[in-house]
Full PDB file with SEQRES, HELIX, SHEET, SSBOND, CRYST1, ORIGX, SCALE, CONECT and MASTER records, all heavy atoms in Angstrom:
SEQRES   1 A   35  ARG MET VAL LEU GLU SER TYR GLY MET HIS VAL GLN THR          
SEQRES   2 A   35  TYR GLU SER GLY ARG ALA PHE LEU ALA THR ALA ASP GLU          
SEQRES   3 A   35  ASP SER SER GLY CYS LEU LEU LEU ASP                          
HELIX    1 AA1 MET A    2  SER A    6  1                                   5    
HELIX    2 AA2 GLY A   17  THR A   23  1                                   7    
CRYST1    1.000    1.000    1.000  90.00  90.00  90.00 P 1           1          
ORIGX1      1.000000  0.000000  0.000000        0.00000                         
ORIGX2      0.000000  1.000000  0.000000        0.00000                         
ORIGX3      0.000000  0.000000  1.000000        0.00000                         
SCALE1      1.000000  0.000000  0.000000        0.00000                         
SCALE2      0.000000  1.000000  0.000000        0.00000                         
SCALE3      0.000000  0.000000  1.000000        0.00000                         
ATOM      1  N   ARG A   1       0.835  -1.208   0.000  1.00  0.00           N  
ATOM      2  CA  ARG A   1       0.000   0.000   0.000  1.00  0.00           C  
ATOM      3  C   ARG A   1       0.870   1.259   0.000  1.00  0.00           C  
ATOM      4  O   ARG A   1       0.661   2.175  -0.795  1.00  0.00           O  
ATOM      5  CB  ARG A   1      -0.942   0.013   1.203  1.00  0.00           C  
ATOM      6  CG  ARG A   1      -1.826   1.269   1.253  1.00  0.00           C  
ATOM      7  CD  ARG A   1      -2.669   1.338   2.519  1.00  0.00           C  
ATOM      8  NE  ARG A   1      -1.940   1.056   3.743  1.00  0.00           N  
ATOM      9  CZ  ARG A   1      -1.093   1.899   4.357  1.00  0.00           C  
ATOM     10  NH1 ARG A   1      -0.856   3.092   3.841  1.00  0.00           N  
ATOM     11  NH2 ARG A   1      -0.479   1.551   5.466  1.00  0.00           N  
ATOM     12  N   MET A   2       1.882   1.300   0.875  1.00  0.00           N  
ATOM     13  CA  MET A   2       2.744   2.484   0.957  1.00  0.00           C  
ATOM     14  C   MET A   2       3.491   2.737  -0.352  1.00  0.00           C  
ATOM     15  O   MET A   2       3.581   3.880  -0.810  1.00  0.00           O  
ATOM     16  CB  MET A   2       3.714   2.345   2.126  1.00  0.00           C  
ATOM     17  CG  MET A   2       3.032   2.547   3.472  1.00  0.00           C  
ATOM     18  SD  MET A   2       4.172   2.627   4.876  1.00  0.00           S  
ATOM     19  CE  MET A   2       4.772   0.954   4.938  1.00  0.00           C  
ATOM     20  N   VAL A   3       4.009   1.671  -0.961  1.00  0.00           N  
ATOM     21  CA  VAL A   3       4.725   1.823  -2.229  1.00  0.00           C  
ATOM     22  C   VAL A   3       3.785   2.362  -3.297  1.00  0.00           C  
ATOM     23  O   VAL A   3       4.104   3.339  -3.994  1.00  0.00           O  
ATOM     24  CB  VAL A   3       5.347   0.476  -2.689  1.00  0.00           C  
ATOM     25  CG1 VAL A   3       5.773   0.533  -4.151  1.00  0.00           C  
ATOM     26  CG2 VAL A   3       6.513   0.101  -1.796  1.00  0.00           C  
ATOM     27  N   LEU A   4       2.620   1.745  -3.448  1.00  0.00           N  
ATOM     28  CA  LEU A   4       1.699   2.159  -4.504  1.00  0.00           C  
ATOM     29  C   LEU A   4       1.165   3.573  -4.267  1.00  0.00           C  
ATOM     30  O   LEU A   4       1.019   4.346  -5.219  1.00  0.00           O  
ATOM     31  CB  LEU A   4       0.559   1.152  -4.635  1.00  0.00           C  
ATOM     32  CG  LEU A   4       1.001  -0.254  -5.073  1.00  0.00           C  
ATOM     33  CD1 LEU A   4      -0.197  -1.193  -5.120  1.00  0.00           C  
ATOM     34  CD2 LEU A   4       1.739  -0.222  -6.387  1.00  0.00           C  
ATOM     35  N   GLU A   5       0.894   3.915  -3.023  1.00  0.00           N  
ATOM     36  CA  GLU A   5       0.446   5.272  -2.735  1.00  0.00           C  
ATOM     37  C   GLU A   5       1.539   6.297  -3.038  1.00  0.00           C  
ATOM     38  O   GLU A   5       1.240   7.419  -3.448  1.00  0.00           O  
ATOM     39  CB  GLU A   5      -0.037   5.388  -1.294  1.00  0.00           C  
ATOM     40  CG  GLU A   5      -1.389   4.712  -1.092  1.00  0.00           C  
ATOM     41  CD  GLU A   5      -1.880   4.731   0.345  1.00  0.00           C  
ATOM     42  OE1 GLU A   5      -1.082   5.041   1.279  1.00  0.00           O  
ATOM     43  OE2 GLU A   5      -3.072   4.427   0.554  1.00  0.00           O  
ATOM     44  N   SER A   6       2.811   5.903  -2.875  1.00  0.00           N  
ATOM     45  CA  SER A   6       3.904   6.830  -3.199  1.00  0.00           C  
ATOM     46  C   SER A   6       3.958   7.112  -4.706  1.00  0.00           C  
ATOM     47  O   SER A   6       4.519   8.116  -5.126  1.00  0.00           O  
ATOM     48  CB  SER A   6       5.249   6.287  -2.700  1.00  0.00           C  
ATOM     49  OG  SER A   6       5.734   5.259  -3.544  1.00  0.00           O  
ATOM     50  N   TYR A   7       3.346   6.243  -5.505  1.00  0.00           N  
ATOM     51  CA  TYR A   7       3.231   6.443  -6.950  1.00  0.00           C  
ATOM     52  C   TYR A   7       1.899   7.110  -7.315  1.00  0.00           C  
ATOM     53  O   TYR A   7       1.535   7.191  -8.481  1.00  0.00           O  
ATOM     54  CB  TYR A   7       3.344   5.113  -7.696  1.00  0.00           C  
ATOM     55  CG  TYR A   7       4.758   4.609  -7.837  1.00  0.00           C  
ATOM     56  CD1 TYR A   7       5.358   3.863  -6.834  1.00  0.00           C  
ATOM     57  CD2 TYR A   7       5.497   4.864  -8.997  1.00  0.00           C  
ATOM     58  CE1 TYR A   7       6.653   3.389  -6.966  1.00  0.00           C  
ATOM     59  CE2 TYR A   7       6.794   4.395  -9.143  1.00  0.00           C  
ATOM     60  CZ  TYR A   7       7.364   3.667  -8.113  1.00  0.00           C  
ATOM     61  OH  TYR A   7       8.654   3.194  -8.249  1.00  0.00           O  
ATOM     62  N   GLY A   8       1.149   7.529  -6.316  1.00  0.00           N  
ATOM     63  CA  GLY A   8      -0.103   8.239  -6.557  1.00  0.00           C  
ATOM     64  C   GLY A   8      -1.311   7.353  -6.782  1.00  0.00           C  
ATOM     65  O   GLY A   8      -2.359   7.824  -7.220  1.00  0.00           O  
ATOM     66  N   MET A   9      -1.192   6.065  -6.475  1.00  0.00           N  
ATOM     67  CA  MET A   9      -2.307   5.140  -6.678  1.00  0.00           C  
ATOM     68  C   MET A   9      -3.205   5.097  -5.445  1.00  0.00           C  
ATOM     69  O   MET A   9      -2.748   5.262  -4.320  1.00  0.00           O  
ATOM     70  CB  MET A   9      -1.779   3.747  -6.991  1.00  0.00           C  
ATOM     71  CG  MET A   9      -1.018   3.681  -8.279  1.00  0.00           C  
ATOM     72  SD  MET A   9      -0.447   2.003  -8.616  1.00  0.00           S  
ATOM     73  CE  MET A   9       0.425   2.272 -10.149  1.00  0.00           C  
ATOM     74  N   HIS A  10      -4.488   4.857  -5.684  1.00  0.00           N  
ATOM     75  CA  HIS A  10      -5.462   4.668  -4.606  1.00  0.00           C  
ATOM     76  C   HIS A  10      -5.488   3.169  -4.302  1.00  0.00           C  
ATOM     77  O   HIS A  10      -5.650   2.353  -5.215  1.00  0.00           O  
ATOM     78  CB  HIS A  10      -6.841   5.167  -5.040  1.00  0.00           C  
ATOM     79  CG  HIS A  10      -7.861   5.090  -3.980  1.00  0.00           C  
ATOM     80  ND1 HIS A  10      -7.828   5.869  -2.843  1.00  0.00           N  
ATOM     81  CD2 HIS A  10      -8.952   4.301  -3.853  1.00  0.00           C  
ATOM     82  CE1 HIS A  10      -8.851   5.563  -2.078  1.00  0.00           C  
ATOM     83  NE2 HIS A  10      -9.557   4.620  -2.663  1.00  0.00           N  
ATOM     84  N   VAL A  11      -5.333   2.790  -3.027  1.00  0.00           N  
ATOM     85  CA  VAL A  11      -5.172   1.382  -2.644  1.00  0.00           C  
ATOM     86  C   VAL A  11      -6.151   1.011  -1.540  1.00  0.00           C  
ATOM     87  O   VAL A  11      -6.364   1.777  -0.603  1.00  0.00           O  
ATOM     88  CB  VAL A  11      -3.726   1.126  -2.152  1.00  0.00           C  
ATOM     89  CG1 VAL A  11      -3.536  -0.334  -1.755  1.00  0.00           C  
ATOM     90  CG2 VAL A  11      -2.703   1.540  -3.204  1.00  0.00           C  
ATOM     91  N   GLN A  12      -6.732  -0.171  -1.669  1.00  0.00           N  
ATOM     92  CA  GLN A  12      -7.526  -0.785  -0.606  1.00  0.00           C  
ATOM     93  C   GLN A  12      -6.895  -2.143  -0.321  1.00  0.00           C  
ATOM     94  O   GLN A  12      -6.479  -2.833  -1.256  1.00  0.00           O  
ATOM     95  CB  GLN A  12      -8.977  -0.992  -1.044  1.00  0.00           C  
ATOM     96  CG  GLN A  12      -9.746   0.295  -1.241  1.00  0.00           C  
ATOM     97  CD  GLN A  12     -10.017   1.000   0.068  1.00  0.00           C  
ATOM     98  OE1 GLN A  12     -10.285   0.393   1.096  1.00  0.00           O  
ATOM     99  NE2 GLN A  12      -9.922   2.318   0.029  1.00  0.00           N  
ATOM    100  N   THR A  13      -6.827  -2.523   0.953  1.00  0.00           N  
ATOM    101  CA  THR A  13      -6.225  -3.806   1.298  1.00  0.00           C  
ATOM    102  C   THR A  13      -7.244  -4.718   1.970  1.00  0.00           C  
ATOM    103  O   THR A  13      -8.186  -4.250   2.627  1.00  0.00           O  
ATOM    104  CB  THR A  13      -5.004  -3.621   2.222  1.00  0.00           C  
ATOM    105  OG1 THR A  13      -5.422  -3.022   3.453  1.00  0.00           O  
ATOM    106  CG2 THR A  13      -3.930  -2.771   1.554  1.00  0.00           C  
ATOM    107  N   TYR A  14      -7.012  -6.010   1.787  1.00  0.00           N  
ATOM    108  CA  TYR A  14      -7.909  -7.053   2.324  1.00  0.00           C  
ATOM    109  C   TYR A  14      -7.044  -8.225   2.775  1.00  0.00           C  
ATOM    110  O   TYR A  14      -6.096  -8.602   2.090  1.00  0.00           O  
ATOM    111  CB  TYR A  14      -8.880  -7.548   1.248  1.00  0.00           C  
ATOM    112  CG  TYR A  14      -9.575  -6.427   0.526  1.00  0.00           C  
ATOM    113  CD1 TYR A  14      -8.982  -5.814  -0.588  1.00  0.00           C  
ATOM    114  CD2 TYR A  14     -10.808  -5.947   0.950  1.00  0.00           C  
ATOM    115  CE1 TYR A  14      -9.604  -4.777  -1.252  1.00  0.00           C  
ATOM    116  CE2 TYR A  14     -11.436  -4.898   0.292  1.00  0.00           C  
ATOM    117  CZ  TYR A  14     -10.833  -4.326  -0.810  1.00  0.00           C  
ATOM    118  OH  TYR A  14     -11.446  -3.283  -1.464  1.00  0.00           O  
ATOM    119  N   GLU A  15      -7.411  -8.845   3.892  1.00  0.00           N  
ATOM    120  CA  GLU A  15      -6.626  -9.960   4.409  1.00  0.00           C  
ATOM    121  C   GLU A  15      -6.980 -11.295   3.766  1.00  0.00           C  
ATOM    122  O   GLU A  15      -6.289 -12.281   3.970  1.00  0.00           O  
ATOM    123  CB  GLU A  15      -6.745 -10.058   5.935  1.00  0.00           C  
ATOM    124  CG  GLU A  15      -8.107 -10.473   6.439  1.00  0.00           C  
ATOM    125  CD  GLU A  15      -9.082  -9.308   6.609  1.00  0.00           C  
ATOM    126  OE1 GLU A  15      -8.728  -8.150   6.333  1.00  0.00           O  
ATOM    127  OE2 GLU A  15     -10.230  -9.582   7.007  1.00  0.00           O  
ATOM    128  N   SER A  16      -8.039 -11.327   2.960  1.00  0.00           N  
ATOM    129  CA  SER A  16      -8.442 -12.574   2.314  1.00  0.00           C  
ATOM    130  C   SER A  16      -9.380 -12.283   1.148  1.00  0.00           C  
ATOM    131  O   SER A  16      -9.914 -11.172   1.039  1.00  0.00           O  
ATOM    132  CB  SER A  16      -9.169 -13.483   3.317  1.00  0.00           C  
ATOM    133  OG  SER A  16     -10.429 -12.920   3.660  1.00  0.00           O  
ATOM    134  N   GLY A  17      -9.582 -13.288   0.327  1.00  0.00           N  
ATOM    135  CA  GLY A  17     -10.546 -13.160  -0.759  1.00  0.00           C  
ATOM    136  C   GLY A  17     -11.950 -12.936  -0.229  1.00  0.00           C  
ATOM    137  O   GLY A  17     -12.720 -12.151  -0.780  1.00  0.00           O  
ATOM    138  N   ARG A  18     -12.270 -13.602   0.849  1.00  0.00           N  
ATOM    139  CA  ARG A  18     -13.601 -13.439   1.445  1.00  0.00           C  
ATOM    140  C   ARG A  18     -13.814 -12.002   1.926  1.00  0.00           C  
ATOM    141  O   ARG A  18     -14.902 -11.441   1.773  1.00  0.00           O  
ATOM    142  CB  ARG A  18     -13.798 -14.419   2.591  1.00  0.00           C  
ATOM    143  CG  ARG A  18     -14.005 -15.857   2.118  1.00  0.00           C  
ATOM    144  CD  ARG A  18     -14.269 -16.781   3.281  1.00  0.00           C  
ATOM    145  NE  ARG A  18     -14.389 -18.192   3.140  1.00  0.00           N  
ATOM    146  CZ  ARG A  18     -14.128 -18.987   2.137  1.00  0.00           C  
ATOM    147  NH1 ARG A  18     -13.697 -18.515   1.023  1.00  0.00           N  
ATOM    148  NH2 ARG A  18     -14.285 -20.292   2.191  1.00  0.00           N  
ATOM    149  N   ALA A  19     -12.774 -11.400   2.507  1.00  0.00           N  
ATOM    150  CA  ALA A  19     -12.876 -10.006   2.960  1.00  0.00           C  
ATOM    151  C   ALA A  19     -13.095  -9.077   1.767  1.00  0.00           C  
ATOM    152  O   ALA A  19     -13.883  -8.128   1.846  1.00  0.00           O  
ATOM    153  CB  ALA A  19     -11.623  -9.600   3.730  1.00  0.00           C  
ATOM    154  N   PHE A  20     -12.429  -9.351   0.653  1.00  0.00           N  
ATOM    155  CA  PHE A  20     -12.636  -8.542  -0.551  1.00  0.00           C  
ATOM    156  C   PHE A  20     -14.086  -8.647  -1.012  1.00  0.00           C  
ATOM    157  O   PHE A  20     -14.734  -7.647  -1.270  1.00  0.00           O  
ATOM    158  CB  PHE A  20     -11.697  -8.997  -1.667  1.00  0.00           C  
ATOM    159  CG  PHE A  20     -11.983  -8.350  -2.989  1.00  0.00           C  
ATOM    160  CD1 PHE A  20     -11.484  -7.092  -3.298  1.00  0.00           C  
ATOM    161  CD2 PHE A  20     -12.781  -8.988  -3.934  1.00  0.00           C  
ATOM    162  CE1 PHE A  20     -11.764  -6.484  -4.514  1.00  0.00           C  
ATOM    163  CE2 PHE A  20     -13.071  -8.401  -5.156  1.00  0.00           C  
ATOM    164  CZ  PHE A  20     -12.555  -7.134  -5.444  1.00  0.00           C  
ATOM    165  N   LEU A  21     -14.594  -9.863  -1.112  1.00  0.00           N  
ATOM    166  CA  LEU A  21     -15.972 -10.060  -1.577  1.00  0.00           C  
ATOM    167  C   LEU A  21     -16.981  -9.400  -0.645  1.00  0.00           C  
ATOM    168  O   LEU A  21     -18.013  -8.910  -1.102  1.00  0.00           O  
ATOM    169  CB  LEU A  21     -16.282 -11.555  -1.716  1.00  0.00           C  
ATOM    170  CG  LEU A  21     -15.558 -12.276  -2.847  1.00  0.00           C  
ATOM    171  CD1 LEU A  21     -15.813 -13.775  -2.761  1.00  0.00           C  
ATOM    172  CD2 LEU A  21     -15.957 -11.719  -4.205  1.00  0.00           C  
ATOM    173  N   ALA A  22     -16.693  -9.386   0.642  1.00  0.00           N  
ATOM    174  CA  ALA A  22     -17.623  -8.829   1.622  1.00  0.00           C  
ATOM    175  C   ALA A  22     -17.635  -7.300   1.621  1.00  0.00           C  
ATOM    176  O   ALA A  22     -18.658  -6.703   1.969  1.00  0.00           O  
ATOM    177  CB  ALA A  22     -17.274  -9.341   3.023  1.00  0.00           C  
ATOM    178  N   THR A  23     -16.530  -6.668   1.214  1.00  0.00           N  
ATOM    179  CA  THR A  23     -16.451  -5.218   1.388  1.00  0.00           C  
ATOM    180  C   THR A  23     -16.202  -4.423   0.114  1.00  0.00           C  
ATOM    181  O   THR A  23     -16.505  -3.227   0.091  1.00  0.00           O  
ATOM    182  CB  THR A  23     -15.347  -4.860   2.398  1.00  0.00           C  
ATOM    183  OG1 THR A  23     -14.094  -5.354   1.925  1.00  0.00           O  
ATOM    184  CG2 THR A  23     -15.645  -5.418   3.767  1.00  0.00           C  
ATOM    185  N   ALA A  24     -15.662  -5.010  -0.926  1.00  0.00           N  
ATOM    186  CA  ALA A  24     -15.341  -4.246  -2.135  1.00  0.00           C  
ATOM    187  C   ALA A  24     -16.602  -3.933  -2.928  1.00  0.00           C  
ATOM    188  O   ALA A  24     -17.505  -4.763  -3.040  1.00  0.00           O  
ATOM    189  CB  ALA A  24     -14.354  -5.013  -3.010  1.00  0.00           C  
ATOM    190  N   ASP A  25     -16.638  -2.761  -3.476  1.00  0.00           N  
ATOM    191  CA  ASP A  25     -17.753  -2.319  -4.308  1.00  0.00           C  
ATOM    192  C   ASP A  25     -17.815  -3.172  -5.570  1.00  0.00           C  
ATOM    193  O   ASP A  25     -16.806  -3.385  -6.241  1.00  0.00           O  
ATOM    194  CB  ASP A  25     -17.536  -0.844  -4.666  1.00  0.00           C  
ATOM    195  CG  ASP A  25     -18.650  -0.244  -5.484  1.00  0.00           C  
ATOM    196  OD1 ASP A  25     -19.600  -0.959  -5.857  1.00  0.00           O  
ATOM    197  OD2 ASP A  25     -18.570   0.961  -5.755  1.00  0.00           O  
ATOM    198  N   GLU A  26     -18.982  -3.666  -5.895  1.00  0.00           N  
ATOM    199  CA  GLU A  26     -19.206  -4.493  -7.102  1.00  0.00           C  
ATOM    200  C   GLU A  26     -18.718  -3.803  -8.363  1.00  0.00           C  
ATOM    201  O   GLU A  26     -18.290  -4.447  -9.296  1.00  0.00           O  
ATOM    202  CB  GLU A  26     -20.691  -4.705  -7.281  1.00  0.00           C  
ATOM    203  CG  GLU A  26     -21.394  -5.957  -7.033  1.00  0.00           C  
ATOM    204  CD  GLU A  26     -20.875  -7.321  -7.273  1.00  0.00           C  
ATOM    205  OE1 GLU A  26     -20.792  -7.763  -8.441  1.00  0.00           O  
ATOM    206  OE2 GLU A  26     -20.632  -7.997  -6.300  1.00  0.00           O  
ATOM    207  N   ASP A  27     -18.827  -2.490  -8.414  1.00  0.00           N  
ATOM    208  CA  ASP A  27     -18.502  -1.731  -9.622  1.00  0.00           C  
ATOM    209  C   ASP A  27     -17.111  -1.113  -9.585  1.00  0.00           C  
ATOM    210  O   ASP A  27     -16.830  -0.201 -10.363  1.00  0.00           O  
ATOM    211  CB  ASP A  27     -19.543  -0.632  -9.834  1.00  0.00           C  
ATOM    212  CG  ASP A  27     -20.933  -1.209 -10.022  1.00  0.00           C  
ATOM    213  OD1 ASP A  27     -21.064  -2.245 -10.702  1.00  0.00           O  
ATOM    214  OD2 ASP A  27     -21.890  -0.638  -9.467  1.00  0.00           O  
ATOM    215  N   SER A  28     -16.250  -1.583  -8.700  1.00  0.00           N  
ATOM    216  CA  SER A  28     -14.900  -1.030  -8.605  1.00  0.00           C  
ATOM    217  C   SER A  28     -14.178  -1.122  -9.934  1.00  0.00           C  
ATOM    218  O   SER A  28     -14.315  -2.095 -10.671  1.00  0.00           O  
ATOM    219  CB  SER A  28     -14.075  -1.788  -7.568  1.00  0.00           C  
ATOM    220  OG  SER A  28     -14.543  -1.535  -6.284  1.00  0.00           O  
ATOM    221  N   SER A  29     -13.396  -0.084 -10.204  1.00  0.00           N  
ATOM    222  CA  SER A  29     -12.518  -0.139 -11.363  1.00  0.00           C  
ATOM    223  C   SER A  29     -11.092  -0.255 -10.832  1.00  0.00           C  
ATOM    224  O   SER A  29     -10.853  -0.125  -9.647  1.00  0.00           O  
ATOM    225  CB  SER A  29     -12.684   1.112 -12.226  1.00  0.00           C  
ATOM    226  OG  SER A  29     -12.332   2.253 -11.473  1.00  0.00           O  
ATOM    227  N   GLY A  30     -10.168  -0.508 -11.711  1.00  0.00           N  
ATOM    228  CA  GLY A  30      -8.780  -0.673 -11.306  1.00  0.00           C  
ATOM    229  C   GLY A  30      -8.347  -2.100 -11.509  1.00  0.00           C  
ATOM    230  O   GLY A  30      -8.588  -2.688 -12.565  1.00  0.00           O  
ATOM    231  N   CYS A  31      -7.704  -2.682 -10.488  1.00  0.00           N  
ATOM    232  CA  CYS A  31      -7.247  -4.067 -10.603  1.00  0.00           C  
ATOM    233  C   CYS A  31      -7.131  -4.698  -9.232  1.00  0.00           C  
ATOM    234  O   CYS A  31      -7.245  -4.038  -8.211  1.00  0.00           O  
ATOM    235  CB  CYS A  31      -5.916  -4.132 -11.349  1.00  0.00           C  
ATOM    236  SG  CYS A  31      -4.521  -3.466 -10.424  1.00  0.00           S  
ATOM    237  N   LEU A  32      -6.899  -5.997  -9.259  1.00  0.00           N  
ATOM    238  CA  LEU A  32      -6.745  -6.797  -8.053  1.00  0.00           C  
ATOM    239  C   LEU A  32      -5.337  -7.366  -8.048  1.00  0.00           C  
ATOM    240  O   LEU A  32      -4.924  -8.004  -9.013  1.00  0.00           O  
ATOM    241  CB  LEU A  32      -7.787  -7.914  -8.073  1.00  0.00           C  
ATOM    242  CG  LEU A  32      -7.900  -8.837  -6.889  1.00  0.00           C  
ATOM    243  CD1 LEU A  32      -8.363  -8.082  -5.651  1.00  0.00           C  
ATOM    244  CD2 LEU A  32      -8.903  -9.936  -7.194  1.00  0.00           C  
ATOM    245  N   LEU A  33      -4.606  -7.098  -6.976  1.00  0.00           N  
ATOM    246  CA  LEU A  33      -3.268  -7.652  -6.777  1.00  0.00           C  
ATOM    247  C   LEU A  33      -3.433  -8.785  -5.781  1.00  0.00           C  
ATOM    248  O   LEU A  33      -3.775  -8.553  -4.622  1.00  0.00           O  
ATOM    249  CB  LEU A  33      -2.353  -6.555  -6.245  1.00  0.00           C  
ATOM    250  CG  LEU A  33      -0.884  -6.838  -6.122  1.00  0.00           C  
ATOM    251  CD1 LEU A  33      -0.288  -7.197  -7.470  1.00  0.00           C  
ATOM    252  CD2 LEU A  33      -0.178  -5.616  -5.545  1.00  0.00           C  
ATOM    253  N   LEU A  34      -3.218 -10.020  -6.229  1.00  0.00           N  
ATOM    254  CA  LEU A  34      -3.647 -11.199  -5.480  1.00  0.00           C  
ATOM    255  C   LEU A  34      -2.493 -12.150  -5.191  1.00  0.00           C  
ATOM    256  O   LEU A  34      -1.846 -12.652  -6.113  1.00  0.00           O  
ATOM    257  CB  LEU A  34      -4.729 -11.910  -6.307  1.00  0.00           C  
ATOM    258  CG  LEU A  34      -5.367 -13.162  -5.759  1.00  0.00           C  
ATOM    259  CD1 LEU A  34      -6.053 -12.902  -4.424  1.00  0.00           C  
ATOM    260  CD2 LEU A  34      -6.383 -13.698  -6.782  1.00  0.00           C  
ATOM    261  N   ASP A  35      -2.256 -12.396  -3.904  1.00  0.00           N  
ATOM    262  CA  ASP A  35      -1.238 -13.368  -3.495  1.00  0.00           C  
ATOM    263  C   ASP A  35      -1.780 -14.781  -3.701  1.00  0.00           C  
ATOM    264  O   ASP A  35      -2.963 -15.041  -3.457  1.00  0.00           O  
ATOM    265  CB  ASP A  35      -0.888 -13.147  -2.023  1.00  0.00           C  
ATOM    266  CG  ASP A  35       0.233 -14.049  -1.550  1.00  0.00           C  
ATOM    267  OD1 ASP A  35       1.193 -14.280  -2.316  1.00  0.00           O  
ATOM    268  OD2 ASP A  35       0.166 -14.531  -0.404  1.00  0.00           O  
TER     269      ASP A  35                                                      
MASTER        0    0    0    2    0    0    0    6  268    1    0    3          
END                                                                             
């Protein structure tokens, strides 16, 4: 998050796929960085 924000990107973090599904907006644009 800190690295990407230093490049001017807007970042949201999630501890799991389930957390992403529970909280991310259905219509989000951008991308998913997935471990």
